[in-house]
Protein backbone atom coordinates (compact mmCIF):
# COMPACT_ATOMS: atom_id res chain seq x y z
CA ARG A 1 47.90 7.88 -81.12
CA PRO A 2 46.24 9.99 -78.39
CA THR A 3 47.48 13.49 -77.61
CA ALA A 4 46.65 15.99 -74.89
CA GLU A 5 47.16 19.70 -74.29
CA LEU A 6 49.13 20.80 -71.22
CA LYS A 7 49.09 24.17 -69.44
CA ILE A 8 52.18 24.59 -67.28
CA PRO A 9 51.86 27.40 -64.69
CA VAL A 10 54.52 30.14 -64.78
CA PRO A 11 54.62 33.45 -62.85
CA TYR A 12 53.34 35.46 -65.85
CA GLY A 13 50.75 32.96 -67.15
CA HIS A 14 51.35 29.51 -68.61
CA LEU A 15 53.47 27.47 -70.98
CA ALA A 16 51.50 25.37 -73.45
CA ALA A 17 52.66 21.96 -74.60
CA LYS A 18 51.36 19.09 -76.70
CA GLU A 19 51.68 15.68 -75.09
CA TRP A 20 51.92 12.45 -77.07
CA LEU A 21 50.66 9.78 -74.69
CA PRO A 22 52.55 6.47 -74.63
CA ARG A 23 51.06 3.14 -75.64
CA PRO A 24 50.37 0.83 -73.94
CA ASN A 25 51.87 2.11 -70.67
CA GLU A 26 54.20 4.77 -69.32
CA ASP A 27 57.87 3.71 -69.43
CA PRO A 28 60.20 6.03 -67.43
CA ASN A 29 62.99 5.13 -69.87
CA ARG A 30 61.04 6.45 -72.86
CA ARG A 31 60.51 10.14 -72.18
CA LEU A 32 61.25 12.74 -74.85
CA LEU A 33 61.03 16.53 -74.59
CA CYS A 34 60.97 18.43 -77.91
CA ILE A 35 61.90 22.10 -78.46
CA HIS A 36 60.82 23.97 -81.60
CA GLY A 37 62.79 26.41 -83.72
CA HIS A 38 62.77 30.20 -84.12
CA GLN A 39 59.17 31.52 -84.06
CA ASP A 40 57.77 28.02 -84.66
CA ASN A 41 55.72 26.06 -82.12
CA ALA A 42 55.05 22.57 -80.77
CA GLY A 43 53.10 21.67 -83.91
CA SER A 44 56.35 21.45 -85.83
CA TYR A 45 56.84 17.99 -84.28
CA ASP A 46 53.44 16.54 -85.20
CA ALA A 47 54.64 14.65 -88.28
CA LEU A 48 57.93 13.40 -86.81
CA LEU A 49 56.47 12.15 -83.52
CA ALA A 50 53.81 10.24 -85.45
CA GLU A 51 56.67 8.29 -87.08
CA LEU A 52 58.33 7.24 -83.81
CA ASP A 53 57.60 4.20 -81.66
CA PRO A 54 54.27 4.87 -79.86
CA ARG A 55 55.78 3.65 -76.59
CA TRP A 56 57.55 7.01 -76.29
CA HIS A 57 55.98 9.57 -73.97
CA ALA A 58 56.75 12.77 -75.89
CA VAL A 59 56.04 16.38 -74.96
CA ALA A 60 56.53 19.22 -77.45
CA LEU A 61 56.76 22.60 -75.76
CA ASP A 62 55.56 26.02 -76.92
CA LEU A 63 58.30 28.31 -75.62
CA THR A 64 57.18 31.55 -73.97
CA GLY A 65 55.75 33.93 -76.56
CA HIS A 66 55.12 31.15 -79.09
CA GLY A 67 52.12 29.05 -80.07
CA LEU A 68 49.58 28.90 -77.25
CA SER A 69 51.96 30.04 -74.50
CA THR A 70 51.69 33.35 -72.64
CA HIS A 71 53.79 36.29 -73.84
CA LEU A 72 56.33 37.97 -71.60
CA PRO A 73 55.12 41.22 -70.00
CA ARG A 74 56.01 44.47 -71.75
CA GLY A 75 59.52 45.61 -70.91
CA CYS A 76 60.95 42.07 -70.75
CA ILE A 77 63.38 40.68 -73.31
CA TYR A 78 63.38 37.15 -74.71
CA THR A 79 66.73 35.45 -74.07
CA ILE A 80 68.24 31.98 -74.08
CA PHE A 81 68.31 32.21 -70.29
CA HIS A 82 64.54 32.67 -70.15
CA TYR A 83 63.98 29.81 -72.60
CA THR A 84 66.23 27.62 -70.44
CA CYS A 85 63.92 28.39 -67.51
CA ASP A 86 60.98 27.35 -69.71
CA VAL A 87 62.58 23.93 -70.09
CA ILE A 88 63.27 23.65 -66.36
CA ARG A 89 59.69 24.63 -65.46
CA ALA A 90 58.26 22.12 -67.95
CA LEU A 91 60.41 19.30 -66.58
CA ARG A 92 59.47 20.10 -62.99
CA PHE A 93 55.80 20.11 -63.96
CA LEU A 94 56.19 16.72 -65.67
CA GLY A 95 58.26 15.31 -62.82
CA TRP A 96 60.93 14.07 -65.22
CA GLU A 97 64.41 13.68 -63.75
CA ARG A 98 65.95 11.70 -66.64
CA PHE A 99 64.81 12.05 -70.24
CA CYS A 100 65.83 12.40 -73.89
CA LEU A 101 65.93 15.87 -75.44
CA MET A 102 65.36 16.89 -79.07
CA GLY A 103 65.58 20.34 -80.63
CA HIS A 104 65.26 21.85 -84.09
CA SER A 105 67.12 24.94 -85.32
CA ALA A 106 67.22 27.50 -82.49
CA GLY A 107 65.56 24.82 -80.37
CA ALA A 108 68.58 22.60 -81.05
CA LEU A 109 70.89 25.36 -79.80
CA LEU A 110 68.72 25.62 -76.68
CA ALA A 111 68.64 21.83 -76.21
CA HIS A 112 72.43 21.62 -76.53
CA HIS A 113 72.83 24.52 -74.11
CA TYR A 114 70.55 22.80 -71.57
CA ALA A 115 72.41 19.50 -71.98
CA ASN A 116 75.73 21.22 -71.32
CA LEU A 117 74.32 22.80 -68.14
CA PHE A 118 72.46 19.74 -66.85
CA GLY A 119 74.19 16.85 -68.59
CA ASP A 120 73.34 14.28 -65.92
CA GLN A 121 69.61 14.65 -66.71
CA VAL A 122 69.79 14.16 -70.48
CA LYS A 123 70.14 10.52 -71.55
CA LYS A 124 70.18 11.21 -75.29
CA LEU A 125 70.39 14.45 -77.26
CA VAL A 126 69.00 14.89 -80.80
CA LEU A 127 69.81 18.05 -82.76
CA LEU A 128 67.94 18.75 -86.01
CA ASP A 129 69.65 21.00 -88.59
CA ALA A 130 71.59 23.09 -86.07
CA PHE A 131 74.73 22.21 -84.17
CA GLY A 132 76.95 24.02 -81.70
CA PRO A 133 76.62 27.41 -80.02
CA TYR A 134 75.96 30.71 -81.78
CA PHE A 135 79.39 31.72 -83.07
CA VAL A 136 80.41 35.31 -83.73
CA ARG A 137 83.66 36.97 -84.64
CA SER A 138 85.00 38.90 -81.67
CA SER A 139 85.20 41.99 -83.88
CA THR A 140 81.40 41.98 -84.36
CA VAL A 141 80.28 41.39 -80.75
CA LEU A 142 79.64 45.05 -79.95
CA GLU A 143 77.82 45.74 -83.20
CA ARG A 144 75.58 42.68 -82.93
CA THR A 145 74.79 43.24 -79.25
CA ARG A 146 73.97 46.89 -79.90
CA GLY A 147 71.71 45.93 -82.80
CA ILE A 148 69.71 43.28 -80.93
CA THR A 149 69.31 45.60 -77.92
CA LEU A 150 67.91 48.44 -80.01
CA GLU A 151 65.67 46.08 -82.00
CA SER A 152 64.24 44.67 -78.75
CA LEU A 153 63.40 48.19 -77.59
CA ARG A 154 61.87 49.09 -80.94
CA LEU A 155 59.58 46.07 -80.89
CA ASP A 156 58.67 46.66 -77.24
CA ASP A 157 57.67 50.25 -77.98
CA LYS A 158 55.49 49.39 -81.00
CA ASP A 159 51.76 49.98 -80.87
CA THR A 160 50.12 46.92 -79.32
CA GLY A 161 46.72 47.52 -80.88
CA SER A 162 44.99 45.10 -83.20
CA PRO A 163 47.56 42.87 -84.95
CA PRO A 164 47.55 42.72 -88.75
CA SER A 165 45.42 39.96 -90.26
CA TYR A 166 45.98 37.90 -93.40
CA THR A 167 44.27 35.40 -95.65
CA LEU A 168 45.62 31.85 -95.51
CA ASP A 169 47.29 32.35 -98.90
CA GLU A 170 48.99 35.49 -97.60
CA ILE A 171 50.17 33.57 -94.53
CA VAL A 172 51.69 30.87 -96.74
CA GLN A 173 53.49 33.53 -98.78
CA LEU A 174 54.84 35.21 -95.64
CA TYR A 175 56.27 31.90 -94.45
CA ALA A 176 57.74 31.24 -97.90
CA LYS A 177 59.60 34.58 -97.73
CA ALA A 178 60.83 34.06 -94.16
CA GLY A 179 64.17 32.57 -95.21
CA PHE A 180 63.64 29.13 -93.65
CA GLU A 181 62.18 27.40 -96.73
CA TYR A 182 58.74 26.65 -95.33
CA LEU A 183 56.50 24.67 -97.64
CA PRO A 184 52.79 25.58 -97.80
CA ARG A 185 51.81 22.56 -95.69
CA ASP A 186 54.43 23.51 -93.07
CA ALA A 187 52.82 26.94 -92.73
CA GLU A 188 49.34 25.46 -92.39
CA VAL A 189 50.50 23.10 -89.63
CA LEU A 190 52.25 25.86 -87.68
CA MET A 191 49.20 28.12 -87.92
CA GLN A 192 47.08 25.54 -86.06
CA ARG A 193 48.83 26.67 -82.87
CA GLY A 194 50.43 29.87 -84.09
CA GLY A 195 47.41 31.64 -85.56
CA ARG A 196 43.91 32.68 -84.63
CA ARG A 197 40.98 33.03 -87.00
CA THR A 198 39.01 36.27 -87.10
CA GLU A 199 35.26 36.55 -87.68
CA ASP A 200 35.82 37.44 -91.33
CA GLY A 201 37.90 34.30 -91.96
CA ARG A 202 41.31 35.95 -91.85
CA PHE A 203 44.17 35.03 -89.51
CA PHE A 204 46.60 36.78 -87.20
CA PHE A 205 49.73 35.42 -85.56
CA THR A 206 49.53 34.54 -81.86
CA ARG A 207 53.29 34.62 -81.31
CA ASP A 208 54.89 37.65 -79.71
CA ALA A 209 56.55 39.83 -82.36
CA ARG A 210 59.33 40.55 -79.85
CA THR A 211 60.59 36.97 -80.24
CA LYS A 212 62.15 38.16 -83.51
CA ALA A 213 64.76 39.92 -81.37
CA ALA A 214 65.45 37.15 -78.87
CA PHE A 215 68.98 37.35 -77.44
CA TRP A 216 71.12 34.24 -77.80
CA THR A 217 74.46 33.84 -76.05
CA ARG A 218 77.25 34.61 -78.48
CA MET A 219 80.44 32.66 -78.04
CA ASP A 220 83.97 33.07 -79.28
CA ARG A 221 85.49 29.97 -80.89
CA ALA A 222 88.17 29.85 -78.19
CA GLU A 223 85.50 29.07 -75.57
CA ILE A 224 83.91 26.10 -77.34
CA GLU A 225 85.83 23.23 -75.80
CA ASP A 226 85.17 24.17 -72.18
CA TYR A 227 81.51 24.92 -72.99
CA MET A 228 81.00 21.49 -74.56
CA LYS A 229 82.37 19.47 -71.64
CA GLY A 230 79.08 19.45 -69.75
CA TYR A 231 77.35 16.82 -71.90
CA THR A 232 78.91 13.36 -72.14
CA ASN A 233 76.03 11.01 -73.03
CA ASP A 234 74.74 9.98 -76.49
CA MET A 235 74.28 12.61 -79.21
CA LEU A 236 72.78 12.53 -82.72
CA VAL A 237 72.99 15.43 -85.17
CA VAL A 238 70.75 15.28 -88.26
CA HIS A 239 71.67 17.77 -90.97
CA ALA A 240 69.36 18.68 -93.82
CA VAL A 241 71.00 19.06 -97.24
CA PRO A 242 70.94 21.82 -98.35
CA GLY A 243 69.17 22.92 -95.12
CA LEU A 244 70.45 26.31 -94.00
CA GLY A 245 74.02 25.66 -95.13
CA TYR A 246 75.91 25.98 -91.83
CA SER A 247 79.68 26.47 -91.82
CA VAL A 248 81.35 23.10 -92.37
CA THR A 249 84.58 24.29 -90.74
CA CYS A 250 82.89 25.39 -87.50
CA GLN A 251 80.76 22.27 -87.33
CA ARG A 252 83.75 19.99 -87.89
CA ARG A 253 85.48 21.49 -84.87
CA VAL A 254 82.38 21.12 -82.68
CA ALA A 255 81.91 17.55 -83.92
CA ASP A 256 85.50 16.67 -83.00
CA ILE A 257 84.94 17.97 -79.47
CA CYS A 258 81.65 16.08 -79.08
CA ARG A 259 83.20 12.87 -80.39
CA LYS A 260 85.86 13.15 -77.73
CA ASN A 261 83.45 13.98 -74.87
CA CYS A 262 80.30 12.00 -75.65
CA LYS A 263 79.69 8.32 -74.97
CA THR A 264 78.53 8.02 -78.59
CA PHE A 265 78.31 10.68 -81.30
CA GLU A 266 76.51 10.27 -84.63
CA MET A 267 76.03 12.67 -87.52
CA ALA A 268 73.51 11.91 -90.28
CA TYR A 269 72.49 13.73 -93.46
CA VAL A 270 69.06 13.78 -95.11
CA GLU A 271 67.99 15.45 -98.31
CA GLY A 272 65.62 18.32 -97.67
CA ASN A 273 65.11 21.87 -96.48
CA HIS A 274 65.49 23.31 -92.99
CA HIS A 275 62.07 21.95 -91.98
CA VAL A 276 62.61 18.46 -93.37
CA HIS A 277 61.40 17.00 -90.04
CA MET A 278 57.98 18.47 -90.92
CA ASN A 279 57.73 17.72 -94.64
CA ARG A 280 59.77 14.47 -94.86
CA PRO A 281 59.49 13.09 -91.34
CA ASP A 282 60.15 9.56 -92.58
CA LEU A 283 63.72 10.51 -93.58
CA VAL A 284 64.45 12.05 -90.18
CA ALA A 285 62.71 9.30 -88.21
CA ALA A 286 64.88 6.70 -89.97
CA HIS A 287 67.80 8.10 -87.96
CA VAL A 288 66.10 9.40 -84.82
CA GLY A 289 64.06 6.26 -84.12
CA PRO A 290 66.98 3.76 -84.04
CA PHE A 291 69.14 6.22 -82.10
CA LEU A 292 66.54 6.59 -79.36
CA GLU A 293 66.07 2.81 -79.15
CA LYS A 294 69.76 2.03 -78.63
CA PRO A 295 70.50 0.96 -75.04
């Protein structure tokens, strides 16, 4: 299936995206925008999109500071608000007014956030191993906000000289220790967009280190119901088991709200780690494919 690279102009450079061209022809009813997870990139969707019906016109975005996209200027902080603007700019560039939206991990939180804000645009919403907003206890709001603010400043003030370089084996080990259960092949796929090879055969990461301290909106549980009212179309949540082991209690409450608000709401479970859409795409596609095809 043919693919193409996109460069979407933004005021500070460009957003990169990987486009999966539809066969045989463009169908305005089969448009799918994909958003990657924390410090991943568009390559994380390569395996899953290859499993879906080739009639889908799919675009996987590199969020600002990730993959092949431009970094934010020094002094700027990565936030969910900026990432939301990434999505808006990409859609304007594509000329899509109605589409399906899929996100993994932090990308699922962003996709759900976008769907709540602009629910009339999103025909179907697919969330992979993340569901609901970023919950915090009200007693920890100050501490967490203080911590992320100081960490953002620390990363911004770091020396921006030559980045550290690694062998491919070292890269694989770094991913394995990252806490998201990357398999070696997952790391190799992500490095195709997220790494650059040096003359001596080593690699360095192309992503902006400051994305480690991206600020996500934190929400008290009392606010959930009003927040979730914005999206009323079809929704599918695919959980990996064991995945990241999200709170069942919190997710049950969010699921109850979505069942009440959405036209249809489905929740599926697949055996695998947090990146099961990369290393067992067939299991995930078995749920995503039929969901997207439903009228």
